[in-house]
Amino acid sequence: MKCNVGRTERIIRIVASLAFMALGAGWWKGFYVVGAVVFITAMVAWCPVTAALGISTCREEEQEEIPADTVSTDKDKQFRERRFK
């Protein structure tokens, strides 16, 4: 999976998910599900809808492949150092 949700969009998604969950407490309980899905896409930094549409809000250096395995390599270390400077 490649990152297609940028940092600013992730923050907006987290705030929106909290708003949806708050609405779920008072109104329709389906807002909990919507809020959870939006929160998960923010945490994973990948959204299937935007991927299907070919939209990406990530910067070039954030669009590298997200490692799926837990084995750390030198390439992973370089990626983390560059991403979180």
C-alpha atoms as a PDB file:
ATOM      1  CA  MET A   1       0.000   0.000   0.000  1.00  0.00           C
ATOM      2  CA  LYS A   2       1.213   3.457  -0.821  1.00  0.00           C
ATOM      3  CA  CYS A   3       0.360   6.426   1.339  1.00  0.00           C
ATOM      4  CA  ASN A   4      -2.394   8.516  -0.251  1.00  0.00           C
ATOM      5  CA  VAL A   5      -3.525  10.528   2.794  1.00  0.00           C
ATOM      6  CA  GLY A   6      -1.248  13.458   3.664  1.00  0.00           C
ATOM      7  CA  ARG A   7      -0.478  14.835   7.100  1.00  0.00           C
ATOM      8  CA  THR A   8      -2.975  17.725   6.964  1.00  0.00           C
ATOM      9  CA  GLU A   9      -5.736  15.465   5.676  1.00  0.00           C
ATOM     10  CA  ARG A  10      -4.977  12.955   8.430  1.00  0.00           C
ATOM     11  CA  ILE A  11      -5.502  15.639  11.084  1.00  0.00           C
ATOM     12  CA  ILE A  12      -8.766  16.698   9.432  1.00  0.00           C
ATOM     13  CA  ARG A  13      -9.908  13.055   9.309  1.00  0.00           C
ATOM     14  CA  ILE A  14      -9.155  12.549  13.014  1.00  0.00           C
ATOM     15  CA  VAL A  15     -11.152  15.657  13.974  1.00  0.00           C
ATOM     16  CA  ALA A  16     -14.005  14.594  11.661  1.00  0.00           C
ATOM     17  CA  SER A  17     -14.034  11.079  13.120  1.00  0.00           C
ATOM     18  CA  LEU A  18     -14.357  12.486  16.638  1.00  0.00           C
ATOM     19  CA  ALA A  19     -17.240  14.670  15.459  1.00  0.00           C
ATOM     20  CA  PHE A  20     -18.984  11.684  13.853  1.00  0.00           C
ATOM     21  CA  MET A  21     -18.576   9.632  17.030  1.00  0.00           C
ATOM     22  CA  ALA A  22     -20.014  12.490  19.092  1.00  0.00           C
ATOM     23  CA  LEU A  23     -23.007  12.613  16.739  1.00  0.00           C
ATOM     24  CA  GLY A  24     -23.388   8.863  17.171  1.00  0.00           C
ATOM     25  CA  ALA A  25     -23.804   9.353  20.912  1.00  0.00           C
ATOM     26  CA  GLY A  26     -26.824  11.586  20.405  1.00  0.00           C
ATOM     27  CA  TRP A  27     -28.398  10.621  17.103  1.00  0.00           C
ATOM     28  CA  TRP A  28     -28.102   7.797  14.645  1.00  0.00           C
ATOM     29  CA  LYS A  29     -25.741   5.024  15.824  1.00  0.00           C
ATOM     30  CA  GLY A  30     -24.368   4.581  12.282  1.00  0.00           C
ATOM     31  CA  PHE A  31     -22.236   7.666  12.878  1.00  0.00           C
ATOM     32  CA  TYR A  32     -20.061   5.488  15.134  1.00  0.00           C
ATOM     33  CA  VAL A  33     -19.251   3.249  12.154  1.00  0.00           C
ATOM     34  CA  VAL A  34     -18.549   6.209   9.872  1.00  0.00           C
ATOM     35  CA  GLY A  35     -16.312   7.770  12.526  1.00  0.00           C
ATOM     36  CA  ALA A  36     -14.418   4.521  13.042  1.00  0.00           C
ATOM     37  CA  VAL A  37     -13.791   4.073   9.311  1.00  0.00           C
ATOM     38  CA  VAL A  38     -12.575   7.658   8.954  1.00  0.00           C
ATOM     39  CA  PHE A  39     -10.319   7.239  12.010  1.00  0.00           C
ATOM     40  CA  ILE A  40      -8.799   4.007  10.674  1.00  0.00           C
ATOM     41  CA  THR A  41      -8.043   5.574   7.285  1.00  0.00           C
ATOM     42  CA  ALA A  42      -6.314   8.450   9.091  1.00  0.00           C
ATOM     43  CA  MET A  43      -4.181   6.098  11.170  1.00  0.00           C
ATOM     44  CA  VAL A  44      -3.201   3.854   8.252  1.00  0.00           C
ATOM     45  CA  ALA A  45      -2.652   6.850   5.896  1.00  0.00           C
ATOM     46  CA  TRP A  46      -4.410   5.006   3.076  1.00  0.00           C
ATOM     47  CA  CYS A  47      -7.978   5.407   1.849  1.00  0.00           C
ATOM     48  CA  PRO A  48      -9.474   2.958  -0.666  1.00  0.00           C
ATOM     49  CA  VAL A  49     -11.855   5.570  -2.101  1.00  0.00           C
ATOM     50  CA  THR A  50      -9.122   8.067  -2.918  1.00  0.00           C
ATOM     51  CA  ALA A  51      -6.924   5.237  -4.194  1.00  0.00           C
ATOM     52  CA  ALA A  52      -9.675   4.150  -6.595  1.00  0.00           C
ATOM     53  CA  LEU A  53     -10.065   7.741  -7.798  1.00  0.00           C
ATOM     54  CA  GLY A  54      -6.296   8.165  -8.186  1.00  0.00           C
ATOM     55  CA  ILE A  55      -6.129  11.041  -5.700  1.00  0.00           C
ATOM     56  CA  SER A  56      -3.212  11.474  -3.315  1.00  0.00           C
ATOM     57  CA  THR A  57      -2.513  14.269  -0.844  1.00  0.00           C
ATOM     58  CA  CYS A  58       0.858  12.875   0.260  1.00  0.00           C
ATOM     59  CA  ARG A  59       4.071  14.636  -0.550  1.00  0.00           C
ATOM     60  CA  GLU A  60       6.524  12.763  -2.791  1.00  0.00           C
ATOM     61  CA  GLU A  61       8.687  11.505   0.098  1.00  0.00           C
ATOM     62  CA  GLU A  62       5.595  10.193   1.942  1.00  0.00           C
ATOM     63  CA  GLN A  63       4.381   8.180  -1.064  1.00  0.00           C
ATOM     64  CA  GLU A  64       6.939   5.415  -0.667  1.00  0.00           C
ATOM     65  CA  GLU A  65       5.758   1.894  -0.029  1.00  0.00           C
ATOM     66  CA  ILE A  66       4.543   1.348   3.545  1.00  0.00           C
ATOM     67  CA  PRO A  67       6.380  -1.742   4.853  1.00  0.00           C
ATOM     68  CA  ALA A  68       3.996  -4.568   5.725  1.00  0.00           C
ATOM     69  CA  ASP A  69       6.516  -6.776   7.520  1.00  0.00           C
ATOM     70  CA  THR A  70       7.903  -6.183  10.990  1.00  0.00           C
ATOM     71  CA  VAL A  71      11.530  -6.836  10.071  1.00  0.00           C
ATOM     72  CA  SER A  72      13.445  -3.566  10.146  1.00  0.00           C
ATOM     73  CA  THR A  73      16.025  -2.961   7.442  1.00  0.00           C
ATOM     74  CA  ASP A  74      18.428  -0.144   6.703  1.00  0.00           C
ATOM     75  CA  LYS A  75      16.026   1.142   4.045  1.00  0.00           C
ATOM     76  CA  ASP A  76      13.214   1.271   6.647  1.00  0.00           C
ATOM     77  CA  LYS A  77      15.487   3.138   9.050  1.00  0.00           C
ATOM     78  CA  GLN A  78      16.402   5.694   6.373  1.00  0.00           C
ATOM     79  CA  PHE A  79      12.725   6.104   5.493  1.00  0.00           C
ATOM     80  CA  ARG A  80      11.753   6.755   9.126  1.00  0.00           C
ATOM     81  CA  GLU A  81      14.611   9.209   9.659  1.00  0.00           C
ATOM     82  CA  ARG A  82      13.673  11.168   6.526  1.00  0.00           C
ATOM     83  CA  ARG A  83       9.929  11.103   7.247  1.00  0.00           C
ATOM     84  CA  PHE A  84      10.052  12.235  10.871  1.00  0.00           C
ATOM     85  CA  LYS A  85      12.752  14.921  10.750  1.00  0.00           C
END
